[in-house]
């Protein structure tokens, strides 16, 4: 069995993400080309793993993942971090006819995964990245990090598992297979509780073309009604001086975590929003050019602020980053409120 992770073809469609049948009774290995959102020129290469997974899953089904990114307008500042981007399951159902259901593991995780993948369902499992070979440079056999994978095929006899993770599609085997699926005979196996598991079920035909674009516009309007009150960048700015003091006290490891949960969360979210608005414009919707450009500016200036802060902290300096906050606050006002004034 083999799977292919290719990165030289753009776009979505049946010719871009296809399945190769190796054994109709056992395993289907997927030829998968990473979606264009994860290739080419990008401001934030390290984006949210949940959104990345859904982009590749939808692309793997030959659907257009950009249509599902309207939720990005709801991001708020939560006093210590920006809201984690999450693709709402209701949007996935409405746009693509996919239902996400919790999977009960009443005997063997391996058996339940095998049953669902044979139904052409994808199983979402919280796993330890310590056992994921695609994280070789970060966590594989190095660190224990919780993450979620989308399993679309397993071969119990060969101890092989095909899965989506982050921005690609991979295969793991052997001892990693045993540990990811909590096989009782795995070395070091324990009686620990099973992880949280869901499955993605094809309940209805997916929308396409104009119908998809119009339904996506409906989700945008619904999400804009749930947008933050006021400017979340302003609230972050008000708390920033205290955050800097904490970073100076706790040192570089904490500062890196802060950066990932604040600047990266903000910047990557608005980069996805910029991609969404660009897609909507191509579908014929009258999205203001200013909103599109300002969303992109949010993404780039969050990166600028991250770099400024890192340099200042390395010198034990307190940097207020006022110029970057000015840019971010203006860009936000020209993005979400402008969209709300037009759409809602």
Protein backbone atom coordinates (compact mmCIF):
# COMPACT_ATOMS: atom_id res chain seq x y z
CA UNK A 1 0.00 0.00 0.00
CA UNK A 2 1.15 3.51 -0.68
CA UNK A 3 -0.13 7.05 -0.52
CA UNK A 4 1.05 10.08 -2.40
CA UNK A 5 1.58 13.57 -1.00
CA UNK A 6 2.14 15.83 -3.99
CA UNK A 7 2.44 19.61 -3.94
CA UNK A 8 2.77 20.70 -7.56
CA UNK A 9 -0.83 20.84 -8.75
CA UNK A 10 -3.32 23.59 -7.93
CA UNK A 11 -7.05 23.86 -7.48
CA UNK A 12 -9.81 21.53 -6.32
CA UNK A 13 -11.68 18.94 -8.28
CA UNK A 14 -11.99 15.23 -8.99
CA UNK A 15 -8.75 15.27 -10.96
CA UNK A 16 -6.92 16.88 -8.04
CA UNK A 17 -7.86 14.47 -5.26
CA UNK A 18 -8.61 10.94 -6.32
CA UNK A 19 -8.62 7.48 -4.78
CA UNK A 20 -6.65 4.52 -6.10
CA UNK A 21 -8.22 1.15 -5.27
CA UNK A 22 -5.69 -1.43 -4.16
CA UNK A 23 -8.01 -4.02 -2.64
CA UNK A 24 -11.79 -3.47 -2.63
CA UNK A 25 -12.11 -5.48 0.59
CA UNK A 26 -9.32 -3.75 2.46
CA UNK A 27 -7.63 -0.47 1.70
CA UNK A 28 -7.99 2.50 -0.60
CA UNK A 29 -4.87 4.65 -0.78
CA UNK A 30 -5.48 8.19 -1.88
CA UNK A 31 -3.53 10.23 -4.39
CA UNK A 32 -3.68 13.62 -2.75
CA UNK A 33 -2.30 16.95 -3.89
CA UNK A 34 -2.14 19.61 -1.18
CA UNK A 35 -4.73 22.35 -1.70
CA UNK A 36 -3.62 25.70 -3.11
CA UNK A 37 -4.36 27.39 0.24
CA UNK A 38 -1.41 25.47 1.65
CA UNK A 39 1.01 26.19 -1.17
CA UNK A 40 2.63 29.12 -2.92
CA UNK A 41 3.16 32.50 -1.31
CA UNK A 42 1.77 32.54 2.21
CA UNK A 43 2.28 34.94 5.08
CA UNK A 44 1.61 32.33 7.77
CA UNK A 45 2.95 28.86 7.01
CA UNK A 46 2.22 27.67 10.54
CA UNK A 47 -1.57 27.89 10.66
CA UNK A 48 -4.30 26.30 12.77
CA UNK A 49 -4.18 22.51 12.55
CA UNK A 50 -7.98 22.13 12.82
CA UNK A 51 -8.64 24.42 9.86
CA UNK A 52 -5.76 22.89 7.91
CA UNK A 53 -7.22 19.41 8.41
CA UNK A 54 -10.65 20.45 7.17
CA UNK A 55 -9.20 22.23 4.15
CA UNK A 56 -7.46 19.04 3.08
CA UNK A 57 -10.41 16.81 3.95
CA UNK A 58 -12.81 18.89 1.87
CA UNK A 59 -10.28 19.07 -0.94
CA UNK A 60 -9.86 15.30 -0.71
CA UNK A 61 -13.61 14.96 -1.28
CA UNK A 62 -13.21 17.21 -4.35
CA UNK A 63 -15.10 20.06 -2.63
CA UNK A 64 -14.10 23.75 -2.49
CA UNK A 65 -12.80 24.46 1.04
CA UNK A 66 -12.71 28.24 0.55
CA UNK A 67 -16.51 28.22 0.74
CA UNK A 68 -16.30 27.13 4.38
CA UNK A 69 -14.14 30.02 5.65
CA UNK A 70 -16.84 32.60 6.42
CA UNK A 71 -16.56 31.81 10.15
CA UNK A 72 -13.27 33.75 10.28
CA UNK A 73 -15.19 37.03 10.78
CA UNK A 74 -16.21 35.90 14.29
CA UNK A 75 -12.72 35.87 15.80
CA UNK A 76 -12.50 37.75 19.10
CA UNK A 77 -9.86 38.54 21.70
CA UNK A 78 -10.38 36.35 24.77
CA UNK A 79 -8.17 38.35 27.20
CA UNK A 80 -5.21 35.96 26.89
CA UNK A 81 -5.50 34.72 23.28
CA UNK A 82 -7.46 35.13 20.07
CA UNK A 83 -10.30 32.72 19.41
CA UNK A 84 -9.14 29.40 18.00
CA UNK A 85 -10.43 29.11 14.43
CA UNK A 86 -12.94 26.27 14.11
CA UNK A 87 -14.90 25.35 11.00
CA UNK A 88 -18.50 25.01 12.28
CA UNK A 89 -19.99 21.57 11.66
CA UNK A 90 -23.30 23.23 10.75
CA UNK A 91 -21.57 25.05 7.88
CA UNK A 92 -19.98 21.81 6.70
CA UNK A 93 -23.40 20.15 6.73
CA UNK A 94 -25.11 23.01 4.91
CA UNK A 95 -22.47 23.46 2.22
CA UNK A 96 -21.25 19.94 1.60
CA UNK A 97 -23.87 17.56 3.01
CA UNK A 98 -21.36 16.19 5.53
CA UNK A 99 -22.43 15.30 9.05
CA UNK A 100 -19.92 15.05 11.88
CA UNK A 101 -21.04 12.52 14.48
CA UNK A 102 -19.40 11.24 17.64
CA UNK A 103 -18.23 7.64 17.37
CA UNK A 104 -18.80 5.35 20.33
CA UNK A 105 -15.84 3.07 21.05
CA UNK A 106 -17.47 0.17 22.86
CA UNK A 107 -14.82 -2.47 22.31
CA UNK A 108 -11.89 -1.78 19.96
CA UNK A 109 -10.90 1.53 18.40
CA UNK A 110 -9.38 -0.38 15.50
CA UNK A 111 -12.65 -2.24 14.81
CA UNK A 112 -14.75 0.92 14.92
CA UNK A 113 -12.37 2.76 12.58
CA UNK A 114 -12.34 -0.18 10.18
CA UNK A 115 -16.14 -0.30 10.10
CA UNK A 116 -16.49 3.41 9.31
CA UNK A 117 -13.71 3.65 6.74
CA UNK A 118 -15.24 0.71 4.86
CA UNK A 119 -18.38 2.85 4.64
CA UNK A 120 -16.25 5.57 2.99
CA UNK A 121 -16.45 7.70 6.13
CA UNK A 122 -13.46 9.57 7.53
CA UNK A 123 -12.73 9.04 11.23
CA UNK A 124 -11.40 11.99 13.25
CA UNK A 125 -9.22 10.84 16.15
CA UNK A 126 -7.35 12.79 18.81
CA UNK A 127 -3.88 11.24 18.86
CA UNK A 128 -0.39 11.80 20.22
CA UNK A 129 1.84 13.34 17.54
CA UNK A 130 4.68 11.32 19.09
CA UNK A 131 3.47 8.48 16.84
CA UNK A 132 2.89 10.48 13.63
CA UNK A 133 5.80 10.22 11.16
CA UNK A 134 4.75 13.41 9.35
CA UNK A 135 5.78 15.37 12.47
CA UNK A 136 9.34 14.03 12.26
CA UNK A 137 10.99 17.45 12.61
CA UNK A 138 8.79 18.50 15.55
CA UNK A 139 7.25 15.74 17.67
CA UNK A 140 7.74 12.27 16.16
CA UNK A 141 9.39 10.13 18.85
CA UNK A 142 10.43 13.43 20.51
CA UNK A 143 7.49 15.06 22.26
CA UNK A 144 3.95 14.21 23.32
CA UNK A 145 1.57 16.66 21.61
CA UNK A 146 -2.18 16.26 21.18
CA UNK A 147 -3.47 16.62 17.64
CA UNK A 148 -6.29 15.36 15.41
CA UNK A 149 -6.01 13.21 12.30
CA UNK A 150 -8.59 12.18 9.69
CA UNK A 151 -8.30 8.45 8.98
CA UNK A 152 -9.76 7.27 5.68
CA UNK A 153 -8.25 3.77 5.41
CA UNK A 154 -6.62 1.13 7.59
CA UNK A 155 -5.22 -2.33 6.91
CA UNK A 156 -5.16 -4.32 10.18
CA UNK A 157 -3.22 -7.23 8.69
CA UNK A 158 -0.45 -4.98 7.37
CA UNK A 159 -0.74 -2.60 10.37
CA UNK A 160 -1.04 0.40 8.05
CA UNK A 161 -3.14 3.53 8.43
CA UNK A 162 -3.77 6.31 5.88
CA UNK A 163 -4.57 9.70 7.33
CA UNK A 164 -4.98 13.42 6.76
CA UNK A 165 -3.04 15.66 9.12
CA UNK A 166 -2.31 19.38 8.99
CA UNK A 167 -1.60 20.21 5.33
CA UNK A 168 -1.10 16.74 3.86
CA UNK A 169 -1.93 13.06 3.58
CA UNK A 170 0.30 10.34 4.99
CA UNK A 171 0.72 6.68 5.93
CA UNK A 172 1.92 5.21 9.22
CA UNK A 173 2.74 1.58 9.97
CA UNK A 174 3.92 -0.92 12.55
CA UNK A 175 4.32 0.18 16.16
CA UNK A 176 2.93 3.64 15.38
CA UNK A 177 -0.23 1.97 14.04
CA UNK A 178 -0.57 -0.07 17.24
CA UNK A 179 -0.25 2.96 19.49
CA UNK A 180 -2.46 5.33 17.49
CA UNK A 181 -5.26 2.74 17.49
CA UNK A 182 -4.66 1.68 21.11
CA UNK A 183 -4.14 -1.97 20.24
CA UNK A 184 -4.14 -3.93 23.52
CA UNK A 185 -1.08 -5.93 22.47
CA UNK A 186 0.99 -2.80 21.73
CA UNK A 187 4.17 -2.42 23.74
CA UNK A 188 3.52 -0.11 26.63
CA UNK A 189 -0.26 -0.27 26.14
CA UNK A 190 -2.29 0.84 29.14
CA UNK A 191 -5.91 0.84 30.23
CA UNK A 192 -6.19 4.55 29.55
CA UNK A 193 -9.47 5.93 28.30
CA UNK A 194 -10.02 5.97 24.55
CA UNK A 195 -9.54 9.35 22.83
CA UNK A 196 -12.37 11.50 21.55
CA UNK A 197 -13.44 10.11 18.16
CA UNK A 198 -15.84 11.41 15.51
CA UNK A 199 -16.69 10.35 11.98
CA UNK A 200 -17.57 12.36 8.88
CA UNK A 201 -20.59 10.96 7.07
CA UNK A 202 -21.79 11.80 3.55
CA UNK A 203 -25.46 12.50 4.25
CA UNK A 204 -26.44 14.49 1.15
CA UNK A 205 -25.04 15.71 -2.13
CA UNK A 206 -22.70 18.67 -1.78
CA UNK A 207 -23.65 22.05 -3.20
CA UNK A 208 -21.65 23.24 -6.18
CA UNK A 209 -21.36 26.29 -8.42
CA UNK A 210 -23.79 29.14 -7.80
CA UNK A 211 -25.73 27.22 -5.15
CA UNK A 212 -22.54 26.73 -3.12
CA UNK A 213 -21.55 30.39 -3.41
CA UNK A 214 -25.00 31.60 -2.38
CA UNK A 215 -25.12 29.23 0.59
CA UNK A 216 -21.67 30.40 1.61
CA UNK A 217 -22.87 34.01 1.46
CA UNK A 218 -25.70 33.02 3.80
CA UNK A 219 -23.18 31.63 6.29
CA UNK A 220 -21.19 34.87 6.04
CA UNK A 221 -24.24 36.90 6.98
CA UNK A 222 -25.02 34.57 9.89
CA UNK A 223 -21.46 34.78 11.20
CA UNK A 224 -21.33 38.57 10.85
CA UNK A 225 -24.31 38.73 13.20
CA UNK A 226 -22.07 36.94 15.72
CA UNK A 227 -19.08 39.24 15.22
CA UNK A 228 -17.35 40.77 18.25
CA UNK A 229 -18.73 43.93 19.77
CA UNK A 230 -16.12 46.58 19.17
CA UNK A 231 -12.61 46.10 17.89
CA UNK A 232 -10.85 43.05 19.42
CA UNK A 233 -7.44 44.44 18.46
CA UNK A 234 -8.11 47.42 20.72
CA UNK A 235 -8.81 45.11 23.66
CA UNK A 236 -5.61 43.20 22.96
CA UNK A 237 -3.71 46.49 22.84
CA UNK A 238 -5.06 47.48 26.25
CA UNK A 239 -3.78 44.23 27.77
CA UNK A 240 -0.51 44.06 25.85
CA UNK A 241 1.77 45.85 28.33
CA UNK A 242 0.85 43.35 31.04
CA UNK A 243 1.43 40.48 28.63
CA UNK A 244 4.92 41.81 27.83
CA UNK A 245 5.78 41.88 31.54
CA UNK A 246 4.71 38.24 31.87
CA UNK A 247 6.82 37.25 28.87
CA UNK A 248 9.86 39.00 30.31
CA UNK A 249 9.34 37.18 33.61
CA UNK A 250 8.77 33.72 32.15
CA UNK A 251 11.26 33.81 29.30
CA UNK A 252 11.44 32.59 25.72
CA UNK A 253 9.43 29.33 25.99
CA UNK A 254 6.39 31.23 27.26
CA UNK A 255 6.88 34.01 24.70
CA UNK A 256 6.82 31.43 21.90
CA UNK A 257 3.55 30.00 23.20
CA UNK A 258 2.11 33.50 23.48
CA UNK A 259 3.08 34.25 19.91
CA UNK A 260 1.42 31.06 18.66
CA UNK A 261 -1.83 31.74 20.47
CA UNK A 262 -2.06 35.48 19.83
CA UNK A 263 -0.20 36.81 16.79
CA UNK A 264 -0.36 33.57 14.81
CA UNK A 265 -4.01 32.97 15.65
CA UNK A 266 -4.92 36.50 14.56
CA UNK A 267 -2.75 36.63 11.46
CA UNK A 268 -3.53 33.19 10.05
CA UNK A 269 -7.25 33.66 10.68
CA UNK A 270 -7.33 36.90 8.70
CA UNK A 271 -5.21 35.41 5.95
CA UNK A 272 -7.90 32.74 5.57
CA UNK A 273 -10.54 35.50 5.60
CA UNK A 274 -8.66 37.27 2.80
CA UNK A 275 -8.68 34.06 0.75
CA UNK A 276 -12.40 33.68 1.41
CA UNK A 277 -13.21 37.23 0.33
CA UNK A 278 -11.11 36.80 -2.80
CA UNK A 279 -13.03 33.64 -3.65
CA UNK A 280 -16.38 35.38 -3.05
CA UNK A 281 -15.36 38.20 -5.38
CA UNK A 282 -14.57 35.63 -8.06
CA UNK A 283 -18.05 34.15 -7.58
CA UNK A 284 -19.50 37.53 -8.52
CA UNK A 285 -20.30 38.97 -5.09
CA UNK A 286 -19.74 42.68 -4.57
CA UNK A 287 -17.17 42.33 -1.80
CA UNK A 288 -15.37 45.68 -1.33
CA UNK A 289 -11.78 45.59 -2.49
CA UNK A 290 -10.89 47.54 0.66
CA UNK A 291 -12.16 44.71 2.90
CA UNK A 292 -10.17 42.13 0.96
CA UNK A 293 -6.95 44.16 1.10
CA UNK A 294 -7.44 45.05 4.78
CA UNK A 295 -7.87 41.40 5.77
CA UNK A 296 -4.58 40.66 4.06
CA UNK A 297 -3.04 43.63 5.89
CA UNK A 298 -4.19 42.17 9.19
CA UNK A 299 -2.32 38.98 8.37
CA UNK A 300 0.91 40.68 7.36
CA UNK A 301 0.98 43.23 10.19
CA UNK A 302 0.43 40.52 12.80
CA UNK A 303 3.63 38.95 11.47
CA UNK A 304 5.42 42.31 11.67
CA UNK A 305 4.33 42.73 15.28
CA UNK A 306 5.50 39.21 16.11
CA UNK A 307 8.98 39.97 14.75
CA UNK A 308 9.19 43.33 16.54
CA UNK A 309 8.21 41.75 19.82
CA UNK A 310 10.69 38.88 19.45
CA UNK A 311 13.56 41.32 18.83
CA UNK A 312 12.58 43.45 21.81
CA UNK A 313 12.26 40.49 24.17
CA UNK A 314 15.64 39.13 23.10
CA UNK A 315 17.11 42.43 24.36
CA UNK A 316 14.95 42.45 27.50
CA UNK A 317 13.19 45.58 26.22
CA UNK A 318 9.57 46.58 26.67
CA UNK A 319 8.23 47.30 23.19
CA UNK A 320 4.66 48.73 22.99
CA UNK A 321 4.44 48.06 19.22
CA UNK A 322 2.23 51.13 18.83
CA UNK A 323 2.78 51.50 15.08
CA UNK A 324 1.68 47.92 14.43
CA UNK A 325 -1.34 48.24 16.70
CA UNK A 326 -2.38 51.40 14.82
CA UNK A 327 -2.21 49.49 11.53
CA UNK A 328 -4.09 46.47 12.90
CA UNK A 329 -6.89 48.51 14.46
CA UNK A 330 -7.46 50.47 11.24
CA UNK A 331 -7.33 47.32 9.12
CA UNK A 332 -9.89 45.58 11.32
CA UNK A 333 -12.30 48.54 11.06
CA UNK A 334 -11.98 48.33 7.27
CA UNK A 335 -12.71 44.62 7.20
CA UNK A 336 -15.34 43.16 9.52
CA UNK A 337 -17.46 46.29 10.17
CA UNK A 338 -17.41 47.13 6.44
CA UNK A 339 -18.64 43.63 5.58
CA UNK A 340 -21.32 43.82 8.25
CA UNK A 341 -22.58 47.16 6.93
CA UNK A 342 -23.03 45.67 3.47
CA UNK A 343 -24.19 42.14 4.20
CA UNK A 344 -26.32 42.46 7.34
